Amino acid sequence: MNLIAFVSSLGHPSYTGRAREPGFVVANVLVVSLVAVGVERLVPLSGAVLIGVGVAFLVFRGYAVPGTPAFVRAVSDWLDAANSHSPAPPDERELLRAGVLRRASGDFQPAPSFLAAWRVRVRSAGPREDDARALAAALSVAPERVTLAWRDGVLFAEAAGAPLGAWLSRAALVADTASIHELRRRYPRWDAVSPQRRGAMLSTLRLYLDVCPSCDGTTVLDRASSRVPGVNERTVAVTCADCDARLFESGFTASVAVVDDDTSPSVVGR
């Protein structure tokens, strides 16, 4: 296997292409250049070889130095904390640590690398008939145990009769299914967190999504009439401007995520 094929096999789509992180490139160029200068003094031409390998990894993987994502995120978190007068809420803080959210102009938004990987998963989602199977795969539950059913405008998921979660639109379900895969990969503690916390983190993440997973339309954060059964008031909501799918509503958390046979109760109101 030649070098290019080998490096290509190590490709990391979450940090390449449109998801490439400029901070990763800057940090890696500095580190590789310093190391190359040192080894060049010991072994002639070794510095040039090292730089070539480093550039190949930057192109095909997005970073060359192991631990770059964690290091850059730690520096970013430190700078955010130094420049912010108010600490991030608990769920946002965990999503910041996982590299899923980032601060921008005093607010939160999905990190480019996460959003790119998330959109790939969303676009690979099958038709509506495959939703239960896709959710089962995300939660590592046997597909035959999971059922989905609409009741009073709410989409409920159950595993062998036990509640898994609830959503106000199929778009919200698709968003969470894609997010679970990425959070499990980026957030090592994901499976150890309680189902309620996982549900809250998923709901919080949907609050900051600016693209609809169903139609790729633009989402709008505004005060709107609640779509939760029995709640007759206006609430903070995220809704797709194109297909009208409700992605987020304050006070409504889809507590999805199970560990073995431990299931969480669905939360359908305040």
C-alpha atoms as a PDB file:
ATOM      1  CA  MET A   1       0.000   0.000   0.000  1.00  0.00           C
ATOM      2  CA  ASN A   2       1.534   3.333  -1.019  1.00  0.00           C
ATOM      3  CA  LEU A   3       1.713   6.312   1.301  1.00  0.00           C
ATOM      4  CA  ILE A   4      -1.200   8.232  -0.229  1.00  0.00           C
ATOM      5  CA  ALA A   5      -3.495   5.191  -0.074  1.00  0.00           C
ATOM      6  CA  PHE A   6      -2.463   4.566   3.520  1.00  0.00           C
ATOM      7  CA  VAL A   7      -3.095   8.143   4.594  1.00  0.00           C
ATOM      8  CA  SER A   8      -6.404   8.165   2.696  1.00  0.00           C
ATOM      9  CA  SER A   9      -7.493   5.118   4.671  1.00  0.00           C
ATOM     10  CA  LEU A  10      -7.005   7.188   7.818  1.00  0.00           C
ATOM     11  CA  GLY A  11      -9.245   9.956   6.506  1.00  0.00           C
ATOM     12  CA  HIS A  12     -11.461  11.741   9.000  1.00  0.00           C
ATOM     13  CA  PRO A  13     -14.483  13.320   7.221  1.00  0.00           C
ATOM     14  CA  SER A  14     -15.418  15.255  10.357  1.00  0.00           C
ATOM     15  CA  TYR A  15     -12.272  17.399   9.985  1.00  0.00           C
ATOM     16  CA  THR A  16     -11.787  17.608   6.207  1.00  0.00           C
ATOM     17  CA  GLY A  17     -13.482  19.329   3.301  1.00  0.00           C
ATOM     18  CA  ARG A  18     -15.970  21.993   4.373  1.00  0.00           C
ATOM     19  CA  ALA A  19     -15.599  20.795   7.972  1.00  0.00           C
ATOM     20  CA  ARG A  20     -11.873  21.588   8.068  1.00  0.00           C
ATOM     21  CA  GLU A  21     -10.931  23.504  11.224  1.00  0.00           C
ATOM     22  CA  PRO A  22      -8.489  26.400  10.576  1.00  0.00           C
ATOM     23  CA  GLY A  23      -7.258  26.118  14.164  1.00  0.00           C
ATOM     24  CA  PHE A  24      -6.205  22.520  13.550  1.00  0.00           C
ATOM     25  CA  VAL A  25      -4.176  23.554  10.483  1.00  0.00           C
ATOM     26  CA  VAL A  26      -2.406  26.434  12.244  1.00  0.00           C
ATOM     27  CA  ALA A  27      -1.545  24.369  15.331  1.00  0.00           C
ATOM     28  CA  ASN A  28      -0.305  21.423  13.268  1.00  0.00           C
ATOM     29  CA  VAL A  29       1.832  23.530  10.911  1.00  0.00           C
ATOM     30  CA  LEU A  30       3.560  25.127  13.898  1.00  0.00           C
ATOM     31  CA  VAL A  31       4.198  21.833  15.703  1.00  0.00           C
ATOM     32  CA  VAL A  32       5.317  19.901  12.620  1.00  0.00           C
ATOM     33  CA  SER A  33       7.612  22.747  11.538  1.00  0.00           C
ATOM     34  CA  LEU A  34       9.306  22.924  14.945  1.00  0.00           C
ATOM     35  CA  VAL A  35       9.772  19.158  15.118  1.00  0.00           C
ATOM     36  CA  ALA A  36      11.058  19.074  11.523  1.00  0.00           C
ATOM     37  CA  VAL A  37      13.726  21.659  12.323  1.00  0.00           C
ATOM     38  CA  GLY A  38      14.892  19.560  15.263  1.00  0.00           C
ATOM     39  CA  VAL A  39      15.064  16.208  13.474  1.00  0.00           C
ATOM     40  CA  GLU A  40      16.712  17.782  10.416  1.00  0.00           C
ATOM     41  CA  ARG A  41      19.731  18.590  12.576  1.00  0.00           C
ATOM     42  CA  LEU A  42      19.987  14.937  13.583  1.00  0.00           C
ATOM     43  CA  VAL A  43      19.211  13.214  10.288  1.00  0.00           C
ATOM     44  CA  PRO A  44      19.611  15.058   6.971  1.00  0.00           C
ATOM     45  CA  LEU A  45      16.454  15.233   4.832  1.00  0.00           C
ATOM     46  CA  SER A  46      14.347  13.783   7.668  1.00  0.00           C
ATOM     47  CA  GLY A  47      12.782  17.181   8.272  1.00  0.00           C
ATOM     48  CA  ALA A  48      11.580  17.423   4.683  1.00  0.00           C
ATOM     49  CA  VAL A  49      10.121  13.908   4.901  1.00  0.00           C
ATOM     50  CA  LEU A  50       8.356  14.761   8.138  1.00  0.00           C
ATOM     51  CA  ILE A  51       6.863  17.913   6.629  1.00  0.00           C
ATOM     52  CA  GLY A  52       5.659  15.921   3.616  1.00  0.00           C
ATOM     53  CA  VAL A  53       3.974  13.330   5.816  1.00  0.00           C
ATOM     54  CA  GLY A  54       2.471  16.090   7.951  1.00  0.00           C
ATOM     55  CA  VAL A  55       1.012  17.856   4.918  1.00  0.00           C
ATOM     56  CA  ALA A  56      -0.457  14.556   3.685  1.00  0.00           C
ATOM     57  CA  PHE A  57      -2.171  13.975   7.007  1.00  0.00           C
ATOM     58  CA  LEU A  58      -3.474  17.556   7.046  1.00  0.00           C
ATOM     59  CA  VAL A  59      -4.958  17.091   3.587  1.00  0.00           C
ATOM     60  CA  PHE A  60      -6.481  13.655   4.072  1.00  0.00           C
ATOM     61  CA  ARG A  61      -7.234  13.588   7.810  1.00  0.00           C
ATOM     62  CA  GLY A  62      -7.552  17.215   8.832  1.00  0.00           C
ATOM     63  CA  TYR A  63      -4.762  17.100  11.430  1.00  0.00           C
ATOM     64  CA  ALA A  64      -1.367  15.428  11.776  1.00  0.00           C
ATOM     65  CA  VAL A  65      -0.529  15.666  15.473  1.00  0.00           C
ATOM     66  CA  PRO A  66      -2.441  13.209  17.703  1.00  0.00           C
ATOM     67  CA  GLY A  67      -4.693  14.939  20.202  1.00  0.00           C
ATOM     68  CA  THR A  68      -5.108  18.088  18.099  1.00  0.00           C
ATOM     69  CA  PRO A  69      -8.956  18.213  18.379  1.00  0.00           C
ATOM     70  CA  ALA A  70      -8.856  17.897  22.167  1.00  0.00           C
ATOM     71  CA  PHE A  71      -6.050  20.468  22.493  1.00  0.00           C
ATOM     72  CA  VAL A  72      -7.672  23.071  20.235  1.00  0.00           C
ATOM     73  CA  ARG A  73     -11.024  22.641  21.984  1.00  0.00           C
ATOM     74  CA  ALA A  74      -9.368  23.051  25.399  1.00  0.00           C
ATOM     75  CA  VAL A  75      -7.718  26.301  24.266  1.00  0.00           C
ATOM     76  CA  SER A  76     -11.001  27.474  22.733  1.00  0.00           C
ATOM     77  CA  ASP A  77     -12.874  26.703  25.961  1.00  0.00           C
ATOM     78  CA  TRP A  78     -10.260  28.602  27.973  1.00  0.00           C
ATOM     79  CA  LEU A  79     -10.502  31.636  25.691  1.00  0.00           C
ATOM     80  CA  ASP A  80     -14.297  31.501  25.785  1.00  0.00           C
ATOM     81  CA  ALA A  81     -14.266  31.370  29.567  1.00  0.00           C
ATOM     82  CA  ALA A  82     -11.803  34.268  29.736  1.00  0.00           C
ATOM     83  CA  ASN A  83     -13.887  36.426  27.403  1.00  0.00           C
ATOM     84  CA  SER A  84     -17.283  35.513  28.792  1.00  0.00           C
ATOM     85  CA  HIS A  85     -18.784  37.124  31.862  1.00  0.00           C
ATOM     86  CA  SER A  86     -21.403  34.395  32.266  1.00  0.00           C
ATOM     87  CA  PRO A  87     -20.675  30.647  32.392  1.00  0.00           C
ATOM     88  CA  ALA A  88     -22.407  28.357  29.929  1.00  0.00           C
ATOM     89  CA  PRO A  89     -25.457  26.424  31.206  1.00  0.00           C
ATOM     90  CA  PRO A  90     -24.739  22.757  32.094  1.00  0.00           C
ATOM     91  CA  ASP A  91     -25.957  21.190  28.842  1.00  0.00           C
ATOM     92  CA  GLU A  92     -24.244  23.789  26.658  1.00  0.00           C
ATOM     93  CA  ARG A  93     -21.056  23.359  28.687  1.00  0.00           C
ATOM     94  CA  GLU A  94     -21.013  19.608  28.043  1.00  0.00           C
ATOM     95  CA  LEU A  95     -21.679  20.123  24.335  1.00  0.00           C
ATOM     96  CA  LEU A  96     -18.859  22.682  24.215  1.00  0.00           C
ATOM     97  CA  ARG A  97     -16.478  20.173  25.802  1.00  0.00           C
ATOM     98  CA  ALA A  98     -17.494  17.573  23.235  1.00  0.00           C
ATOM     99  CA  GLY A  99     -16.712  19.981  20.395  1.00  0.00           C
ATOM    100  CA  VAL A 100     -20.335  19.857  19.273  1.00  0.00           C
ATOM    101  CA  LEU A 101     -21.126  23.496  20.055  1.00  0.00           C
ATOM    102  CA  ARG A 102     -18.914  26.562  19.940  1.00  0.00           C
ATOM    103  CA  ARG A 103     -19.306  30.173  21.030  1.00  0.00           C
ATOM    104  CA  ALA A 104     -19.743  32.790  18.321  1.00  0.00           C
ATOM    105  CA  SER A 105     -20.594  36.450  18.811  1.00  0.00           C
ATOM    106  CA  GLY A 106     -21.726  35.820  22.358  1.00  0.00           C
ATOM    107  CA  ASP A 107     -24.042  32.951  21.399  1.00  0.00           C
ATOM    108  CA  PHE A 108     -23.757  29.224  20.734  1.00  0.00           C
ATOM    109  CA  GLN A 109     -23.799  27.473  17.379  1.00  0.00           C
ATOM    110  CA  PRO A 110     -22.966  23.971  16.128  1.00  0.00           C
ATOM    111  CA  ALA A 111     -19.256  23.476  15.454  1.00  0.00           C
ATOM    112  CA  PRO A 112     -18.576  23.232  11.696  1.00  0.00           C
ATOM    113  CA  SER A 113     -17.024  19.752  11.992  1.00  0.00           C
ATOM    114  CA  PHE A 114     -20.031  18.444  13.915  1.00  0.00           C
ATOM    115  CA  LEU A 115     -22.554  20.088  11.602  1.00  0.00           C
ATOM    116  CA  ALA A 116     -20.877  18.656   8.499  1.00  0.00           C
ATOM    117  CA  ALA A 117     -20.846  15.117   9.924  1.00  0.00           C
ATOM    118  CA  TRP A 118     -24.401  15.525  11.229  1.00  0.00           C
ATOM    119  CA  ARG A 119     -25.701  16.613   7.819  1.00  0.00           C
ATOM    120  CA  VAL A 120     -24.069  13.595   6.173  1.00  0.00           C
ATOM    121  CA  ARG A 121     -25.949  11.316   8.569  1.00  0.00           C
ATOM    122  CA  VAL A 122     -29.212  13.226   8.080  1.00  0.00           C
ATOM    123  CA  ARG A 123     -28.961  12.992   4.309  1.00  0.00           C
ATOM    124  CA  SER A 124     -28.312   9.260   4.533  1.00  0.00           C
ATOM    125  CA  ALA A 125     -31.523   8.731   6.518  1.00  0.00           C
ATOM    126  CA  GLY A 126     -33.972   6.436   4.786  1.00  0.00           C
ATOM    127  CA  PRO A 127     -37.682   6.995   4.183  1.00  0.00           C
ATOM    128  CA  ARG A 128     -40.192   7.520   6.968  1.00  0.00           C
ATOM    129  CA  GLU A 129     -40.799   3.752   7.129  1.00  0.00           C
ATOM    130  CA  ASP A 130     -37.187   3.239   8.275  1.00  0.00           C
ATOM    131  CA  ASP A 131     -37.347   5.683  11.204  1.00  0.00           C
ATOM    132  CA  ALA A 132     -37.936   3.036  13.870  1.00  0.00           C
ATOM    133  CA  ARG A 133     -35.074   0.911  12.572  1.00  0.00           C
ATOM    134  CA  ALA A 134     -32.758   3.932  12.430  1.00  0.00           C
ATOM    135  CA  LEU A 135     -33.632   4.950  15.995  1.00  0.00           C
ATOM    136  CA  ALA A 136     -33.069   1.384  17.191  1.00  0.00           C
ATOM    137  CA  ALA A 137     -29.629   1.379  15.567  1.00  0.00           C
ATOM    138  CA  ALA A 138     -28.714   4.700  17.197  1.00  0.00           C
ATOM    139  CA  LEU A 139     -29.794   3.440  20.623  1.00  0.00           C
ATOM    140  CA  SER A 140     -28.352  -0.081  20.161  1.00  0.00           C
ATOM    141  CA  VAL A 141     -31.778  -1.632  20.678  1.00  0.00           C
ATOM    142  CA  ALA A 142     -33.151  -4.622  18.796  1.00  0.00           C
ATOM    143  CA  PRO A 143     -35.140  -3.205  15.839  1.00  0.00           C
ATOM    144  CA  GLU A 144     -38.130  -5.449  16.461  1.00  0.00           C
ATOM    145  CA  ARG A 145     -38.577  -3.896  19.907  1.00  0.00           C
ATOM    146  CA  VAL A 146     -38.955  -0.296  18.720  1.00  0.00           C
ATOM    147  CA  THR A 147     -42.259   1.143  17.538  1.00  0.00           C
ATOM    148  CA  LEU A 148     -43.244   4.682  16.547  1.00  0.00           C
ATOM    149  CA  ALA A 149     -46.773   6.091  16.727  1.00  0.00           C
ATOM    150  CA  TRP A 150     -48.403   9.521  16.474  1.00  0.00           C
ATOM    151  CA  ARG A 151     -50.821  10.515  19.228  1.00  0.00           C
ATOM    152  CA  ASP A 152     -52.355  13.997  19.477  1.00  0.00           C
ATOM    153  CA  GLY A 153     -49.672  15.517  17.274  1.00  0.00           C
ATOM    154  CA  VAL A 154     -46.771  13.962  19.198  1.00  0.00           C
ATOM    155  CA  LEU A 155     -44.527  11.210  17.820  1.00  0.00           C
ATOM    156  CA  PHE A 156     -43.922   8.599  20.521  1.00  0.00           C
ATOM    157  CA  ALA A 157     -41.234   5.902  20.514  1.00  0.00           C
ATOM    158  CA  GLU A 158     -41.484   2.755  22.623  1.00  0.00           C
ATOM    159  CA  ALA A 159     -39.289  -0.285  23.156  1.00  0.00           C
ATOM    160  CA  ALA A 160     -41.365  -3.374  23.903  1.00  0.00           C
ATOM    161  CA  GLY A 161     -44.035  -1.114  25.432  1.00  0.00           C
ATOM    162  CA  ALA A 162     -41.653   1.019  27.534  1.00  0.00           C
ATOM    163  CA  PRO A 163     -41.426   4.708  26.553  1.00  0.00           C
ATOM    164  CA  LEU A 164     -38.249   5.835  24.784  1.00  0.00           C
ATOM    165  CA  GLY A 165     -39.066   9.423  23.898  1.00  0.00           C
ATOM    166  CA  ALA A 166     -41.364  11.879  22.184  1.00  0.00           C
ATOM    167  CA  TRP A 167     -40.995  14.495  19.454  1.00  0.00           C
ATOM    168  CA  LEU A 168     -43.155  17.245  18.014  1.00  0.00           C
ATOM    169  CA  SER A 169     -42.108  16.412  14.445  1.00  0.00           C
ATOM    170  CA  ARG A 170     -40.392  13.743  12.409  1.00  0.00           C
ATOM    171  CA  ALA A 171     -37.660  16.307  11.724  1.00  0.00           C
ATOM    172  CA  ALA A 172     -36.847  16.410  15.453  1.00  0.00           C
ATOM    173  CA  LEU A 173     -36.610  12.613  15.538  1.00  0.00           C
ATOM    174  CA  VAL A 174     -34.288  12.547  12.510  1.00  0.00           C
ATOM    175  CA  ALA A 175     -32.156  15.285  14.093  1.00  0.00           C
ATOM    176  CA  ASP A 176     -31.765  13.333  17.336  1.00  0.00           C
ATOM    177  CA  THR A 177     -31.052  10.038  15.579  1.00  0.00           C
ATOM    178  CA  ALA A 178     -28.188  11.648  13.656  1.00  0.00           C
ATOM    179  CA  SER A 179     -26.934  13.517  16.739  1.00  0.00           C
ATOM    180  CA  ILE A 180     -26.790  10.377  18.896  1.00  0.00           C
ATOM    181  CA  HIS A 181     -24.295   8.750  16.534  1.00  0.00           C
ATOM    182  CA  GLU A 182     -22.044  11.796  16.549  1.00  0.00           C
ATOM    183  CA  LEU A 183     -22.325  12.424  20.299  1.00  0.00           C
ATOM    184  CA  ARG A 184     -21.404   8.834  21.084  1.00  0.00           C
ATOM    185  CA  ARG A 185     -18.295   9.234  18.924  1.00  0.00           C
ATOM    186  CA  ARG A 186     -17.278  12.682  20.205  1.00  0.00           C
ATOM    187  CA  TYR A 187     -18.401  12.494  23.831  1.00  0.00           C
ATOM    188  CA  PRO A 188     -16.855   9.422  25.560  1.00  0.00           C
ATOM    189  CA  ARG A 189     -19.156   9.741  28.584  1.00  0.00           C
ATOM    190  CA  TRP A 190     -22.327   9.655  26.476  1.00  0.00           C
ATOM    191  CA  ASP A 191     -23.411   6.122  27.410  1.00  0.00           C
ATOM    192  CA  ALA A 192     -22.682   6.770  31.106  1.00  0.00           C
ATOM    193  CA  VAL A 193     -24.897   9.873  31.272  1.00  0.00           C
ATOM    194  CA  SER A 194     -28.458   9.382  32.532  1.00  0.00           C
ATOM    195  CA  PRO A 195     -31.212   9.102  29.890  1.00  0.00           C
ATOM    196  CA  GLN A 196     -32.756  12.331  31.178  1.00  0.00           C
ATOM    197  CA  ARG A 197     -29.483  14.250  30.717  1.00  0.00           C
ATOM    198  CA  ARG A 198     -28.979  12.754  27.288  1.00  0.00           C
ATOM    199  CA  GLY A 199     -32.462  13.833  26.307  1.00  0.00           C
ATOM    200  CA  ALA A 200     -31.814  17.337  27.616  1.00  0.00           C
ATOM    201  CA  MET A 201     -28.548  17.578  25.673  1.00  0.00           C
ATOM    202  CA  LEU A 202     -30.239  16.431  22.464  1.00  0.00           C
ATOM    203  CA  SER A 203     -33.033  18.935  22.979  1.00  0.00           C
ATOM    204  CA  THR A 204     -30.505  21.709  23.680  1.00  0.00           C
ATOM    205  CA  LEU A 205     -28.605  20.845  20.517  1.00  0.00           C
ATOM    206  CA  ARG A 206     -31.786  21.155  18.442  1.00  0.00           C
ATOM    207  CA  LEU A 207     -32.248  24.624  19.895  1.00  0.00           C
ATOM    208  CA  TYR A 208     -29.125  25.778  18.047  1.00  0.00           C
ATOM    209  CA  LEU A 209     -29.640  23.980  14.732  1.00  0.00           C
ATOM    210  CA  ASP A 210     -30.193  26.461  11.908  1.00  0.00           C
ATOM    211  CA  VAL A 211     -31.072  23.891   9.242  1.00  0.00           C
ATOM    212  CA  CYS A 212     -34.062  21.558   9.061  1.00  0.00           C
ATOM    213  CA  PRO A 213     -33.120  17.866   8.750  1.00  0.00           C
ATOM    214  CA  SER A 214     -36.287  17.099   6.777  1.00  0.00           C
ATOM    215  CA  CYS A 215     -36.241  19.709   4.010  1.00  0.00           C
ATOM    216  CA  ASP A 216     -32.876  21.472   4.474  1.00  0.00           C
ATOM    217  CA  GLY A 217     -34.780  24.697   5.094  1.00  0.00           C
ATOM    218  CA  THR A 218     -33.827  27.493   7.476  1.00  0.00           C
ATOM    219  CA  THR A 219     -35.034  27.313  11.071  1.00  0.00           C
ATOM    220  CA  VAL A 220     -36.411  30.267  13.042  1.00  0.00           C
ATOM    221  CA  LEU A 221     -36.089  30.826  16.794  1.00  0.00           C
ATOM    222  CA  ASP A 222     -39.079  32.810  18.050  1.00  0.00           C
ATOM    223  CA  ARG A 223     -41.941  32.857  20.493  1.00  0.00           C
ATOM    224  CA  ALA A 224     -44.795  30.783  19.070  1.00  0.00           C
ATOM    225  CA  SER A 225     -47.914  28.946  20.168  1.00  0.00           C
ATOM    226  CA  SER A 226     -47.075  25.691  21.906  1.00  0.00           C
ATOM    227  CA  ARG A 227     -47.755  22.434  20.079  1.00  0.00           C
ATOM    228  CA  VAL A 228     -47.645  20.348  23.241  1.00  0.00           C
ATOM    229  CA  PRO A 229     -51.067  18.827  23.929  1.00  0.00           C
ATOM    230  CA  GLY A 230     -52.841  20.655  26.747  1.00  0.00           C
ATOM    231  CA  VAL A 231     -50.468  23.650  26.759  1.00  0.00           C
ATOM    232  CA  ASN A 232     -52.271  26.792  25.571  1.00  0.00           C
ATOM    233  CA  GLU A 233     -49.623  29.484  25.671  1.00  0.00           C
ATOM    234  CA  ARG A 234     -46.775  30.919  23.675  1.00  0.00           C
ATOM    235  CA  THR A 235     -43.340  29.450  24.164  1.00  0.00           C
ATOM    236  CA  VAL A 236     -39.785  29.693  22.861  1.00  0.00           C
ATOM    237  CA  ALA A 237     -39.631  27.455  19.803  1.00  0.00           C
ATOM    238  CA  VAL A 238     -37.440  26.527  16.845  1.00  0.00           C
ATOM    239  CA  THR A 239     -39.504  25.937  13.703  1.00  0.00           C
ATOM    240  CA  CYS A 240     -38.568  25.344  10.072  1.00  0.00           C
ATOM    241  CA  ALA A 241     -39.605  28.343   7.976  1.00  0.00           C
ATOM    242  CA  ASP A 242     -40.139  26.100   4.928  1.00  0.00           C
ATOM    243  CA  CYS A 243     -41.925  22.944   6.124  1.00  0.00           C
ATOM    244  CA  ASP A 244     -43.167  24.229   9.527  1.00  0.00           C
ATOM    245  CA  ALA A 245     -41.587  21.321  11.431  1.00  0.00           C
ATOM    246  CA  ARG A 246     -41.176  22.060  15.142  1.00  0.00           C
ATOM    247  CA  LEU A 247     -37.629  21.105  16.169  1.00  0.00           C
ATOM    248  CA  PHE A 248     -37.533  22.554  19.674  1.00  0.00           C
ATOM    249  CA  GLU A 249     -39.950  23.859  22.230  1.00  0.00           C
ATOM    250  CA  SER A 250     -39.054  25.007  25.726  1.00  0.00           C
ATOM    251  CA  GLY A 251     -40.405  22.698  28.379  1.00  0.00           C
ATOM    252  CA  PHE A 252     -40.603  19.757  25.969  1.00  0.00           C
ATOM    253  CA  THR A 253     -37.672  17.322  26.141  1.00  0.00           C
ATOM    254  CA  ALA A 254     -37.400  14.070  24.229  1.00  0.00           C
ATOM    255  CA  SER A 255     -35.561  11.872  26.710  1.00  0.00           C
ATOM    256  CA  VAL A 256     -34.242   9.362  24.228  1.00  0.00           C
ATOM    257  CA  ALA A 257     -31.288   7.046  24.847  1.00  0.00           C
ATOM    258  CA  VAL A 258     -31.216   3.769  26.692  1.00  0.00           C
ATOM    259  CA  VAL A 259     -28.590   1.651  28.390  1.00  0.00           C
ATOM    260  CA  ASP A 260     -29.354  -2.073  28.103  1.00  0.00           C
ATOM    261  CA  ASP A 261     -32.956  -2.411  29.320  1.00  0.00           C
ATOM    262  CA  ASP A 262     -33.026   0.905  31.162  1.00  0.00           C
ATOM    263  CA  THR A 263     -35.499   3.213  29.441  1.00  0.00           C
ATOM    264  CA  SER A 264     -36.398   6.767  30.254  1.00  0.00           C
ATOM    265  CA  PRO A 265     -39.899   8.198  30.536  1.00  0.00           C
ATOM    266  CA  SER A 266     -40.974  10.495  27.739  1.00  0.00           C
ATOM    267  CA  VAL A 267     -41.586  14.107  28.724  1.00  0.00           C
ATOM    268  CA  VAL A 268     -44.551  15.592  26.880  1.00  0.00           C
ATOM    269  CA  GLY A 269     -45.172  18.774  28.764  1.00  0.00           C
ATOM    270  CA  ARG A 270     -44.198  20.925  31.682  1.00  0.00           C
END
